[in-house]
C-alpha cells in the first residue's frame, strides 16, 4: 500500500456536473427573488391615493351650497406630503362623510387659480376649514397628524372653535401662477428679451 494517497479521504472533489447544478440552482433562486422583489415594489400601493380621493371628493360648487361645513384641500399629485397624508384623509373622510364635505382642488389645474389666490396657497397640502355657506374659519398648512385633523374636523362639525386651526407642518413648496406664461417657440424671438 502506498502512503502518498489516503484510502478514505475526508474531502472528495466535487464533480463538475454537481458544481454546475448547484450554480444553476443558485442563479434560478436569485432571479426568482429579484423578480419577486421588483414586483412587490411595483404593486405596493397605499389603499388611498390622491386620485381616488379627488374622484370621491365633493365638487366645490356643491360644497358651497349644500349646508354642510367643508374641508378644502389644495394638493398636487407630485406632492410627497400630500401622498403621505392620503391614507389618513381617506380614513377621516369615511368617518365624517355624512357630516361634512371633503373638497380636493389640484393646484396644477389653473381652473383653481382664483381659489389659490383667495386662500394664499404657497405650500401644499393647504387645508381650508369652511362653515356651511363657505365662510372661512381657519387654515392649516403642511403635514398634519391624523389626531390633529380629527380634532379640527370634530370642532368643525359641532361648530366649535378649531383647536389647531392655524397649524403648520412640513409642506411641498408651490407658487400659484398669477398670469399665463407666454410661449416663445419661435427661435428668432430671443431678441425681444434683450433690454438696452
N, C-alpha and C. Protein backbone atom coordinates (compact mmCIF):
# COMPACT_ATOMS: atom_id res chain seq x y z
N UNK A 1 0.82 -1.16 0.00
CA UNK A 1 0.00 0.00 0.00
C UNK A 1 0.87 1.24 0.00
N UNK A 2 0.48 2.21 -0.76
CA UNK A 2 1.29 3.41 -0.81
C UNK A 2 0.85 4.38 0.25
N UNK A 3 1.79 5.11 0.79
CA UNK A 3 1.49 6.06 1.86
C UNK A 3 1.18 7.44 1.32
N UNK A 4 1.31 7.69 0.04
CA UNK A 4 1.09 9.02 -0.53
C UNK A 4 -0.38 9.35 -0.74
N UNK A 5 -1.24 8.36 -0.84
CA UNK A 5 -2.64 8.67 -1.11
C UNK A 5 -3.52 7.94 -0.10
N UNK A 6 -4.24 8.68 0.72
CA UNK A 6 -5.08 8.05 1.74
C UNK A 6 -6.26 7.34 1.08
N UNK A 7 -6.67 6.23 1.65
CA UNK A 7 -7.76 5.43 1.11
C UNK A 7 -9.11 6.10 1.39
N UNK A 8 -9.33 6.54 2.60
CA UNK A 8 -10.60 7.17 2.96
C UNK A 8 -10.38 8.68 3.12
N UNK A 9 -10.34 9.39 2.02
CA UNK A 9 -10.13 10.83 2.05
C UNK A 9 -11.38 11.52 2.57
N UNK A 10 -11.29 12.45 3.55
CA UNK A 10 -12.48 13.14 4.08
C UNK A 10 -13.08 14.08 3.06
N UNK A 11 -12.32 14.64 2.16
CA UNK A 11 -12.86 15.56 1.16
C UNK A 11 -12.71 14.93 -0.21
N UNK A 12 -13.87 14.74 -0.84
CA UNK A 12 -13.83 14.21 -2.20
C UNK A 12 -14.04 15.38 -3.14
N UNK A 13 -13.31 15.43 -4.19
CA UNK A 13 -13.53 16.52 -5.14
C UNK A 13 -14.93 16.40 -5.73
N UNK A 14 -15.63 17.56 -5.78
CA UNK A 14 -16.99 17.58 -6.30
C UNK A 14 -16.94 17.46 -7.82
N UNK A 15 -17.86 16.71 -8.35
CA UNK A 15 -17.86 16.52 -9.80
C UNK A 15 -18.26 17.82 -10.49
N UNK A 16 -17.83 17.99 -11.71
CA UNK A 16 -18.16 19.21 -12.44
C UNK A 16 -19.66 19.31 -12.69
N UNK A 17 -20.34 18.19 -12.84
CA UNK A 17 -21.79 18.20 -13.02
C UNK A 17 -22.47 18.71 -11.75
N UNK A 18 -22.01 18.31 -10.60
CA UNK A 18 -22.57 18.76 -9.33
C UNK A 18 -22.39 20.26 -9.12
N UNK A 19 -21.19 20.78 -9.47
CA UNK A 19 -20.94 22.22 -9.36
C UNK A 19 -21.85 23.01 -10.28
N UNK A 20 -22.00 22.52 -11.49
CA UNK A 20 -22.85 23.23 -12.46
C UNK A 20 -24.32 23.23 -12.00
N UNK A 21 -24.77 22.10 -11.47
CA UNK A 21 -26.15 22.01 -11.00
C UNK A 21 -26.38 22.97 -9.82
N UNK A 22 -25.43 22.99 -8.89
CA UNK A 22 -25.55 23.89 -7.74
C UNK A 22 -25.56 25.35 -8.18
N UNK A 23 -24.66 25.74 -9.06
CA UNK A 23 -24.61 27.12 -9.56
C UNK A 23 -25.89 27.49 -10.31
N UNK A 24 -26.42 26.53 -11.07
CA UNK A 24 -27.67 26.78 -11.80
C UNK A 24 -28.82 27.03 -10.82
N UNK A 25 -28.91 26.22 -9.78
CA UNK A 25 -29.97 26.40 -8.78
C UNK A 25 -29.83 27.74 -8.05
N UNK A 26 -28.60 28.12 -7.71
CA UNK A 26 -28.38 29.41 -7.05
C UNK A 26 -28.81 30.55 -7.97
N UNK A 27 -28.49 30.46 -9.24
CA UNK A 27 -28.88 31.50 -10.20
C UNK A 27 -30.40 31.59 -10.33
N UNK A 28 -31.09 30.45 -10.41
CA UNK A 28 -32.56 30.43 -10.53
C UNK A 28 -33.19 31.06 -9.29
N UNK A 29 -32.71 30.71 -8.11
CA UNK A 29 -33.26 31.27 -6.87
C UNK A 29 -33.01 32.79 -6.83
N UNK A 30 -31.84 33.24 -7.23
CA UNK A 30 -31.53 34.68 -7.23
C UNK A 30 -32.45 35.43 -8.19
N UNK A 31 -32.67 34.86 -9.36
CA UNK A 31 -33.57 35.50 -10.34
C UNK A 31 -34.99 35.55 -9.80
N UNK A 32 -35.46 34.45 -9.22
CA UNK A 32 -36.82 34.41 -8.68
C UNK A 32 -37.00 35.44 -7.56
N UNK A 33 -36.02 35.55 -6.68
CA UNK A 33 -36.11 36.54 -5.60
C UNK A 33 -36.08 37.96 -6.14
N UNK A 34 -35.27 38.22 -7.15
CA UNK A 34 -35.20 39.56 -7.75
C UNK A 34 -36.53 39.94 -8.38
N UNK A 35 -37.12 39.01 -9.13
CA UNK A 35 -38.41 39.27 -9.76
C UNK A 35 -39.48 39.52 -8.71
N UNK A 36 -39.50 38.69 -7.66
CA UNK A 36 -40.49 38.87 -6.60
C UNK A 36 -40.32 40.22 -5.91
N UNK A 37 -39.09 40.63 -5.67
CA UNK A 37 -38.82 41.91 -5.04
C UNK A 37 -39.30 43.08 -5.90
N UNK A 38 -38.97 43.04 -7.19
CA UNK A 38 -39.37 44.12 -8.10
C UNK A 38 -40.88 44.18 -8.22
N UNK A 39 -41.53 43.04 -8.38
CA UNK A 39 -42.99 43.04 -8.47
C UNK A 39 -43.62 43.50 -7.16
N UNK A 40 -43.02 43.13 -6.06
CA UNK A 40 -43.54 43.57 -4.76
C UNK A 40 -43.47 45.08 -4.61
N UNK A 41 -42.39 45.69 -5.07
CA UNK A 41 -42.26 47.14 -5.01
C UNK A 41 -43.25 47.83 -5.93
N UNK A 42 -43.48 47.26 -7.09
CA UNK A 42 -44.37 47.89 -8.06
C UNK A 42 -45.83 47.80 -7.63
N UNK A 43 -46.21 46.73 -6.97
CA UNK A 43 -47.61 46.56 -6.59
C UNK A 43 -47.92 47.12 -5.22
N UNK A 44 -46.89 47.53 -4.48
CA UNK A 44 -47.13 48.08 -3.15
C UNK A 44 -47.67 49.49 -3.29
N UNK A 45 -48.93 49.65 -3.01
CA UNK A 45 -49.55 50.97 -3.05
C UNK A 45 -50.38 51.13 -1.79
N UNK A 46 -50.60 52.37 -1.44
CA UNK A 46 -51.44 52.60 -0.28
C UNK A 46 -52.89 52.39 -0.69
N UNK A 47 -53.72 52.08 0.28
CA UNK A 47 -55.12 51.83 -0.03
C UNK A 47 -55.81 53.11 -0.51
N UNK A 48 -55.26 54.24 -0.17
CA UNK A 48 -55.85 55.51 -0.59
C UNK A 48 -54.84 56.26 -1.43
N UNK A 49 -55.25 56.71 -2.58
CA UNK A 49 -54.38 57.52 -3.41
C UNK A 49 -55.03 58.88 -3.60
N UNK A 50 -54.24 59.84 -4.01
CA UNK A 50 -54.77 61.18 -4.23
C UNK A 50 -55.81 61.19 -5.34
N UNK A 51 -55.59 60.39 -6.39
CA UNK A 51 -56.56 60.37 -7.49
C UNK A 51 -57.89 59.80 -7.03
N UNK A 52 -57.86 58.76 -6.16
CA UNK A 52 -59.12 58.20 -5.64
C UNK A 52 -59.83 59.22 -4.76
N UNK A 53 -59.06 59.91 -3.91
CA UNK A 53 -59.66 60.92 -3.05
C UNK A 53 -60.27 62.05 -3.89
N UNK A 54 -59.57 62.44 -4.94
CA UNK A 54 -60.07 63.51 -5.80
C UNK A 54 -61.36 63.10 -6.50
N UNK A 55 -61.40 61.87 -6.99
CA UNK A 55 -62.61 61.39 -7.67
C UNK A 55 -63.80 61.34 -6.73
N UNK A 56 -63.55 60.99 -5.47
CA UNK A 56 -64.64 60.85 -4.50
C UNK A 56 -64.99 62.17 -3.81
N UNK A 57 -64.22 63.22 -4.06
CA UNK A 57 -64.47 64.47 -3.34
C UNK A 57 -65.72 65.19 -3.84
N UNK A 58 -66.23 66.04 -2.96
CA UNK A 58 -67.40 66.85 -3.29
C UNK A 58 -66.95 68.02 -4.16
N UNK A 59 -67.64 68.28 -5.27
CA UNK A 59 -67.28 69.45 -6.08
C UNK A 59 -67.44 70.74 -5.25
N UNK A 60 -66.55 71.70 -5.48
CA UNK A 60 -66.56 72.94 -4.70
C UNK A 60 -67.91 73.65 -4.79
N UNK A 61 -68.50 73.68 -5.97
CA UNK A 61 -69.80 74.36 -6.16
C UNK A 61 -70.88 73.73 -5.28
N UNK A 62 -70.88 72.41 -5.17
CA UNK A 62 -71.86 71.70 -4.35
C UNK A 62 -71.59 71.98 -2.87
N UNK A 63 -70.32 71.95 -2.48
CA UNK A 63 -69.95 72.16 -1.08
C UNK A 63 -70.38 73.54 -0.59
N UNK A 64 -70.37 74.54 -1.46
CA UNK A 64 -70.74 75.90 -1.06
C UNK A 64 -72.25 76.05 -0.85
N UNK A 65 -73.03 75.11 -1.36
CA UNK A 65 -74.49 75.29 -1.32
C UNK A 65 -75.25 74.19 -0.60
N UNK A 66 -74.60 73.12 -0.13
CA UNK A 66 -75.38 72.01 0.43
C UNK A 66 -75.61 72.09 1.94
N UNK A 67 -75.18 73.16 2.59
CA UNK A 67 -75.49 73.36 4.00
C UNK A 67 -74.59 72.62 4.97
N UNK A 68 -73.52 72.00 4.50
CA UNK A 68 -72.59 71.30 5.39
C UNK A 68 -71.29 72.09 5.48
N UNK A 69 -70.58 71.95 6.61
CA UNK A 69 -69.23 72.54 6.65
C UNK A 69 -68.32 71.77 5.69
N UNK A 70 -67.19 72.36 5.34
CA UNK A 70 -66.31 71.75 4.34
C UNK A 70 -64.85 71.82 4.75
N UNK A 71 -64.12 70.80 4.33
CA UNK A 71 -62.66 70.80 4.41
C UNK A 71 -62.19 70.83 2.96
N UNK A 72 -61.50 71.91 2.60
CA UNK A 72 -60.95 72.03 1.24
C UNK A 72 -59.46 71.76 1.34
N UNK A 73 -58.98 70.83 0.51
CA UNK A 73 -57.55 70.52 0.48
C UNK A 73 -56.99 70.88 -0.88
N UNK A 74 -55.99 71.76 -0.88
CA UNK A 74 -55.23 72.06 -2.09
C UNK A 74 -54.06 71.08 -2.11
N UNK A 75 -53.91 70.37 -3.21
CA UNK A 75 -52.91 69.31 -3.30
C UNK A 75 -52.35 69.24 -4.72
N UNK A 76 -51.37 68.37 -4.91
CA UNK A 76 -50.86 68.04 -6.25
C UNK A 76 -50.43 66.58 -6.22
N UNK A 77 -50.51 65.94 -7.36
CA UNK A 77 -50.14 64.52 -7.44
C UNK A 77 -48.66 64.31 -7.12
N UNK A 78 -47.82 65.29 -7.40
CA UNK A 78 -46.38 65.16 -7.16
C UNK A 78 -45.98 65.49 -5.72
N UNK A 79 -46.89 65.96 -4.93
CA UNK A 79 -46.62 66.39 -3.55
C UNK A 79 -46.45 65.18 -2.64
N UNK A 80 -45.23 64.99 -2.14
CA UNK A 80 -44.96 63.82 -1.29
C UNK A 80 -45.68 63.91 0.05
N UNK A 81 -45.82 65.10 0.59
CA UNK A 81 -46.54 65.27 1.85
C UNK A 81 -48.02 64.93 1.65
N UNK A 82 -48.59 65.35 0.52
CA UNK A 82 -49.99 65.04 0.21
C UNK A 82 -50.17 63.53 0.09
N UNK A 83 -49.24 62.88 -0.58
CA UNK A 83 -49.30 61.42 -0.74
C UNK A 83 -49.21 60.73 0.61
N UNK A 84 -48.35 61.24 1.47
CA UNK A 84 -48.17 60.65 2.80
C UNK A 84 -49.45 60.77 3.62
N UNK A 85 -50.15 61.88 3.48
CA UNK A 85 -51.36 62.12 4.27
C UNK A 85 -52.61 61.46 3.68
N UNK A 86 -52.56 61.00 2.45
CA UNK A 86 -53.74 60.45 1.77
C UNK A 86 -54.45 59.35 2.56
N UNK A 87 -53.75 58.38 3.14
CA UNK A 87 -54.47 57.35 3.90
C UNK A 87 -55.23 57.92 5.11
N UNK A 88 -54.63 58.87 5.81
CA UNK A 88 -55.31 59.49 6.96
C UNK A 88 -56.53 60.28 6.50
N UNK A 89 -56.39 61.03 5.42
CA UNK A 89 -57.52 61.81 4.91
C UNK A 89 -58.64 60.87 4.47
N UNK A 90 -58.29 59.75 3.85
CA UNK A 90 -59.30 58.78 3.43
C UNK A 90 -60.06 58.20 4.63
N UNK A 91 -59.33 57.90 5.72
CA UNK A 91 -59.99 57.39 6.93
C UNK A 91 -60.92 58.45 7.53
N UNK A 92 -60.44 59.68 7.59
CA UNK A 92 -61.28 60.75 8.13
C UNK A 92 -62.49 61.00 7.25
N UNK A 93 -62.32 60.87 5.95
CA UNK A 93 -63.45 61.06 5.04
C UNK A 93 -64.52 60.01 5.27
N UNK A 94 -64.13 58.76 5.47
CA UNK A 94 -65.15 57.74 5.72
C UNK A 94 -65.83 57.97 7.08
N UNK A 95 -65.07 58.49 8.03
CA UNK A 95 -65.63 58.74 9.36
C UNK A 95 -66.60 59.93 9.37
N UNK A 96 -66.30 60.96 8.59
CA UNK A 96 -67.10 62.19 8.62
C UNK A 96 -67.88 62.46 7.33
N UNK A 97 -67.97 61.49 6.45
CA UNK A 97 -68.58 61.71 5.13
C UNK A 97 -70.00 62.25 5.19
N UNK A 98 -70.79 61.80 6.16
CA UNK A 98 -72.18 62.26 6.23
C UNK A 98 -72.33 63.60 6.94
N UNK A 99 -71.25 64.09 7.57
CA UNK A 99 -71.34 65.33 8.35
C UNK A 99 -70.69 66.53 7.69
N UNK A 100 -69.74 66.27 6.76
CA UNK A 100 -69.05 67.40 6.15
C UNK A 100 -68.54 67.05 4.76
N UNK A 101 -68.28 68.09 3.98
CA UNK A 101 -67.78 67.93 2.60
C UNK A 101 -66.26 67.85 2.61
N UNK A 102 -65.73 66.96 1.80
CA UNK A 102 -64.29 66.88 1.55
C UNK A 102 -64.09 67.32 0.11
N UNK A 103 -63.40 68.44 -0.08
CA UNK A 103 -63.18 69.02 -1.40
C UNK A 103 -61.68 68.96 -1.71
N UNK A 104 -61.33 68.41 -2.85
CA UNK A 104 -59.93 68.31 -3.28
C UNK A 104 -59.73 69.20 -4.50
N UNK A 105 -58.80 70.17 -4.41
CA UNK A 105 -58.50 71.06 -5.52
C UNK A 105 -57.03 70.90 -5.90
N UNK A 106 -56.79 70.45 -7.11
CA UNK A 106 -55.43 70.21 -7.61
C UNK A 106 -54.82 71.53 -8.05
N UNK A 107 -53.70 71.91 -7.44
CA UNK A 107 -53.07 73.20 -7.75
C UNK A 107 -52.49 73.24 -9.16
N UNK A 108 -52.31 72.09 -9.79
CA UNK A 108 -51.81 72.07 -11.16
C UNK A 108 -52.89 72.41 -12.18
N UNK A 109 -54.13 72.48 -11.74
CA UNK A 109 -55.24 72.86 -12.61
C UNK A 109 -55.49 74.36 -12.44
N UNK A 110 -55.20 75.12 -13.49
CA UNK A 110 -55.34 76.58 -13.41
C UNK A 110 -56.79 77.02 -13.19
N UNK A 111 -57.72 76.13 -13.32
CA UNK A 111 -59.13 76.45 -13.03
C UNK A 111 -59.27 76.95 -11.59
N UNK A 112 -58.40 76.45 -10.70
CA UNK A 112 -58.50 76.80 -9.28
C UNK A 112 -57.62 77.98 -8.90
N UNK A 113 -57.07 78.69 -9.87
CA UNK A 113 -56.22 79.84 -9.59
C UNK A 113 -56.91 80.90 -8.72
N UNK A 114 -58.18 81.26 -8.98
CA UNK A 114 -58.82 82.25 -8.10
C UNK A 114 -58.88 81.78 -6.64
N UNK A 115 -59.15 80.51 -6.42
CA UNK A 115 -59.19 79.99 -5.05
C UNK A 115 -57.79 79.96 -4.43
N UNK A 116 -56.78 79.61 -5.25
CA UNK A 116 -55.40 79.59 -4.73
C UNK A 116 -54.98 80.98 -4.28
N UNK A 117 -55.36 81.98 -5.05
CA UNK A 117 -55.02 83.36 -4.69
C UNK A 117 -55.85 83.83 -3.49
N UNK A 118 -57.12 83.47 -3.47
CA UNK A 118 -58.00 83.87 -2.37
C UNK A 118 -57.50 83.34 -1.02
N UNK A 119 -57.07 82.08 -0.99
CA UNK A 119 -56.62 81.46 0.26
C UNK A 119 -55.10 81.52 0.43
N UNK A 120 -54.41 82.22 -0.48
CA UNK A 120 -52.97 82.43 -0.42
C UNK A 120 -52.19 81.12 -0.28
N UNK A 121 -52.44 80.24 -1.20
CA UNK A 121 -51.79 78.92 -1.19
C UNK A 121 -50.35 79.09 -1.66
N UNK A 122 -49.39 78.82 -0.76
CA UNK A 122 -47.99 78.88 -1.14
C UNK A 122 -47.24 77.62 -0.72
N UNK A 123 -47.93 76.68 -0.16
CA UNK A 123 -47.38 75.38 0.20
C UNK A 123 -48.52 74.38 0.24
N UNK A 124 -48.22 73.15 -0.08
CA UNK A 124 -49.26 72.14 -0.08
C UNK A 124 -48.80 70.93 0.72
N UNK A 125 -49.70 70.23 1.35
CA UNK A 125 -51.14 70.43 1.34
C UNK A 125 -51.54 71.68 2.14
N UNK A 126 -52.58 72.30 1.66
CA UNK A 126 -53.11 73.51 2.28
C UNK A 126 -54.58 73.21 2.56
N UNK A 127 -54.96 73.23 3.83
CA UNK A 127 -56.33 72.89 4.23
C UNK A 127 -57.07 74.15 4.64
N UNK A 128 -58.30 74.29 4.14
CA UNK A 128 -59.15 75.41 4.49
C UNK A 128 -60.42 74.84 5.11
N UNK A 129 -60.76 75.30 6.32
CA UNK A 129 -61.95 74.85 7.02
C UNK A 129 -63.03 75.90 6.82
N UNK A 130 -64.16 75.47 6.26
CA UNK A 130 -65.24 76.39 5.91
C UNK A 130 -66.52 76.05 6.66
N UNK A 131 -67.22 77.11 7.13
CA UNK A 131 -68.55 76.94 7.69
C UNK A 131 -69.52 76.60 6.56
N UNK A 132 -70.72 76.13 6.90
CA UNK A 132 -71.73 75.96 5.84
C UNK A 132 -71.94 77.30 5.14
N UNK A 133 -71.96 77.30 3.84
CA UNK A 133 -72.09 78.54 3.09
C UNK A 133 -70.76 79.08 2.59
N UNK A 134 -69.65 78.58 3.10
CA UNK A 134 -68.36 78.94 2.55
C UNK A 134 -67.51 79.93 3.32
N UNK A 135 -67.94 80.38 4.50
CA UNK A 135 -67.13 81.33 5.28
C UNK A 135 -65.92 80.60 5.87
N UNK A 136 -64.74 81.19 5.72
CA UNK A 136 -63.51 80.58 6.21
C UNK A 136 -63.41 80.70 7.72
N UNK A 137 -63.14 79.57 8.37
CA UNK A 137 -62.94 79.55 9.82
C UNK A 137 -61.44 79.56 10.13
N UNK A 138 -60.70 78.68 9.46
CA UNK A 138 -59.28 78.55 9.74
C UNK A 138 -58.59 77.87 8.56
N UNK A 139 -57.26 77.89 8.62
CA UNK A 139 -56.45 77.22 7.60
C UNK A 139 -55.31 76.49 8.31
N UNK A 140 -54.89 75.39 7.71
CA UNK A 140 -53.73 74.64 8.21
C UNK A 140 -52.90 74.28 6.99
N UNK A 141 -51.60 74.34 7.17
CA UNK A 141 -50.70 74.10 6.05
C UNK A 141 -49.72 72.99 6.42
N UNK A 142 -49.50 72.09 5.48
CA UNK A 142 -48.47 71.07 5.64
C UNK A 142 -48.96 69.80 6.30
N UNK A 143 -48.01 68.96 6.64
CA UNK A 143 -48.27 67.65 7.22
C UNK A 143 -48.95 67.82 8.57
N UNK A 144 -50.14 67.26 8.69
CA UNK A 144 -50.91 67.34 9.93
C UNK A 144 -51.13 65.92 10.45
N UNK A 145 -50.80 65.65 11.69
CA UNK A 145 -51.09 64.32 12.23
C UNK A 145 -52.59 64.05 12.21
N UNK A 146 -52.93 62.79 12.08
CA UNK A 146 -54.34 62.40 11.98
C UNK A 146 -55.14 62.88 13.19
N UNK A 147 -54.55 62.83 14.38
CA UNK A 147 -55.27 63.25 15.59
C UNK A 147 -55.61 64.74 15.56
N UNK A 148 -54.70 65.55 15.05
CA UNK A 148 -54.95 66.99 14.95
C UNK A 148 -56.05 67.26 13.92
N UNK A 149 -55.96 66.58 12.77
CA UNK A 149 -57.01 66.75 11.76
C UNK A 149 -58.37 66.30 12.31
N UNK A 150 -58.39 65.19 13.03
CA UNK A 150 -59.65 64.68 13.59
C UNK A 150 -60.22 65.67 14.60
N UNK A 151 -59.37 66.27 15.43
CA UNK A 151 -59.85 67.27 16.40
C UNK A 151 -60.44 68.48 15.70
N UNK A 152 -59.76 68.94 14.64
CA UNK A 152 -60.28 70.08 13.88
C UNK A 152 -61.60 69.75 13.19
N UNK A 153 -61.70 68.56 12.62
CA UNK A 153 -62.93 68.19 11.93
C UNK A 153 -64.08 68.02 12.91
N UNK A 154 -63.81 67.46 14.07
CA UNK A 154 -64.86 67.32 15.08
C UNK A 154 -65.37 68.70 15.51
N UNK A 155 -64.45 69.64 15.71
CA UNK A 155 -64.85 71.00 16.08
C UNK A 155 -65.60 71.67 14.93
N UNK A 156 -65.20 71.42 13.70
CA UNK A 156 -65.88 72.00 12.53
C UNK A 156 -67.31 71.50 12.45
N UNK A 157 -67.51 70.21 12.68
CA UNK A 157 -68.85 69.62 12.61
C UNK A 157 -69.75 70.15 13.71
N UNK A 158 -69.20 70.32 14.92
CA UNK A 158 -70.01 70.78 16.05
C UNK A 158 -70.13 72.30 16.10
N UNK A 159 -69.40 73.01 15.24
CA UNK A 159 -69.46 74.47 15.24
C UNK A 159 -68.63 75.10 16.33
N UNK A 160 -67.70 74.35 16.89
CA UNK A 160 -66.83 74.84 17.97
C UNK A 160 -65.58 75.51 17.40
N UNK A 161 -64.81 76.10 18.30
CA UNK A 161 -63.53 76.70 17.94
C UNK A 161 -62.58 75.57 17.54
N UNK A 162 -61.85 75.73 16.43
CA UNK A 162 -60.90 74.72 15.98
C UNK A 162 -59.64 74.79 16.84
N UNK A 163 -59.30 73.71 17.55
CA UNK A 163 -58.15 73.76 18.45
C UNK A 163 -56.81 73.92 17.75
N UNK A 164 -56.71 73.44 16.53
CA UNK A 164 -55.45 73.53 15.79
C UNK A 164 -55.69 74.22 14.45
N UNK A 165 -56.39 75.31 14.47
CA UNK A 165 -56.80 75.99 13.25
C UNK A 165 -55.68 76.61 12.44
N UNK A 166 -54.61 77.01 13.06
CA UNK A 166 -53.51 77.64 12.33
C UNK A 166 -52.25 76.78 12.35
N UNK A 167 -52.42 75.48 12.33
CA UNK A 167 -51.28 74.56 12.43
C UNK A 167 -50.47 74.57 11.14
N UNK A 168 -49.17 74.41 11.30
CA UNK A 168 -48.27 74.32 10.16
C UNK A 168 -47.37 73.11 10.33
N UNK A 169 -47.15 72.41 9.24
CA UNK A 169 -46.27 71.24 9.24
C UNK A 169 -45.40 71.27 8.00
N UNK A 170 -44.78 70.15 7.68
CA UNK A 170 -43.92 70.05 6.50
C UNK A 170 -44.77 70.24 5.25
N UNK A 171 -44.29 71.07 4.32
CA UNK A 171 -45.03 71.37 3.10
C UNK A 171 -44.17 71.08 1.88
N UNK A 172 -44.86 70.98 0.74
CA UNK A 172 -44.21 71.00 -0.56
C UNK A 172 -44.43 72.40 -1.10
N UNK A 173 -43.37 73.11 -1.40
CA UNK A 173 -43.49 74.49 -1.86
C UNK A 173 -44.23 74.57 -3.19
N UNK A 174 -45.02 75.61 -3.32
CA UNK A 174 -45.80 75.82 -4.53
C UNK A 174 -46.04 77.30 -4.68
N UNK A 175 -45.94 77.80 -5.89
CA UNK A 175 -46.27 79.19 -6.18
C UNK A 175 -47.33 79.21 -7.26
N UNK A 176 -48.45 79.82 -6.94
CA UNK A 176 -49.53 79.90 -7.92
C UNK A 176 -49.15 80.89 -9.00
N UNK A 177 -49.32 80.52 -10.26
CA UNK A 177 -49.01 81.48 -11.33
C UNK A 177 -50.06 82.59 -11.32
N UNK A 178 -49.61 83.81 -11.46
CA UNK A 178 -50.56 84.92 -11.47
C UNK A 178 -51.05 85.24 -12.87
N UNK A 179 -50.32 84.81 -13.88
CA UNK A 179 -50.74 85.03 -15.27
C UNK A 179 -50.14 83.92 -16.11
N UNK A 180 -50.80 83.60 -17.22
CA UNK A 180 -50.23 82.58 -18.08
C UNK A 180 -48.88 83.03 -18.63
N UNK A 181 -47.96 82.08 -18.72
CA UNK A 181 -46.64 82.41 -19.25
C UNK A 181 -46.68 82.40 -20.76
N UNK A 182 -46.09 83.42 -21.42
CA UNK A 182 -46.12 83.46 -22.87
C UNK A 182 -45.24 82.37 -23.47
N UNK A 183 -45.67 81.85 -24.57
CA UNK A 183 -44.91 80.81 -25.26
C UNK A 183 -43.95 81.47 -26.23
N UNK A 184 -42.69 81.04 -26.20
CA UNK A 184 -41.70 81.59 -27.12
C UNK A 184 -41.10 80.43 -27.91
N UNK A 185 -41.92 79.84 -28.76
CA UNK A 185 -41.47 78.69 -29.54
C UNK A 185 -40.62 79.11 -30.73
N UNK A 186 -40.73 80.35 -31.17
CA UNK A 186 -40.00 80.82 -32.33
C UNK A 186 -38.56 81.11 -31.92
N UNK A 187 -37.57 80.43 -32.55
CA UNK A 187 -36.18 80.65 -32.15
C UNK A 187 -35.70 82.07 -32.42
N UNK A 188 -36.39 82.81 -33.26
CA UNK A 188 -36.00 84.19 -33.54
C UNK A 188 -36.53 85.18 -32.52
N UNK A 189 -37.34 84.72 -31.56
CA UNK A 189 -37.93 85.63 -30.60
C UNK A 189 -36.99 86.00 -29.47
N UNK A 190 -35.80 85.46 -29.44
CA UNK A 190 -34.88 85.77 -28.34
C UNK A 190 -34.46 87.23 -28.32
N UNK A 191 -34.56 87.91 -29.41
CA UNK A 191 -34.21 89.32 -29.46
C UNK A 191 -35.14 90.17 -28.63
N UNK A 192 -36.38 89.73 -28.45
CA UNK A 192 -37.33 90.51 -27.66
C UNK A 192 -37.00 90.50 -26.18
N UNK A 193 -36.10 89.61 -25.75
CA UNK A 193 -35.71 89.55 -24.34
C UNK A 193 -34.56 90.49 -24.01
N UNK A 194 -33.89 91.03 -25.03
CA UNK A 194 -32.73 91.89 -24.81
C UNK A 194 -33.22 93.27 -24.38
N UNK A 195 -32.67 93.75 -23.29
CA UNK A 195 -33.03 95.06 -22.79
C UNK A 195 -31.81 95.96 -22.94
N UNK A 196 -31.99 97.12 -23.56
CA UNK A 196 -30.88 98.06 -23.74
C UNK A 196 -30.72 98.94 -22.54
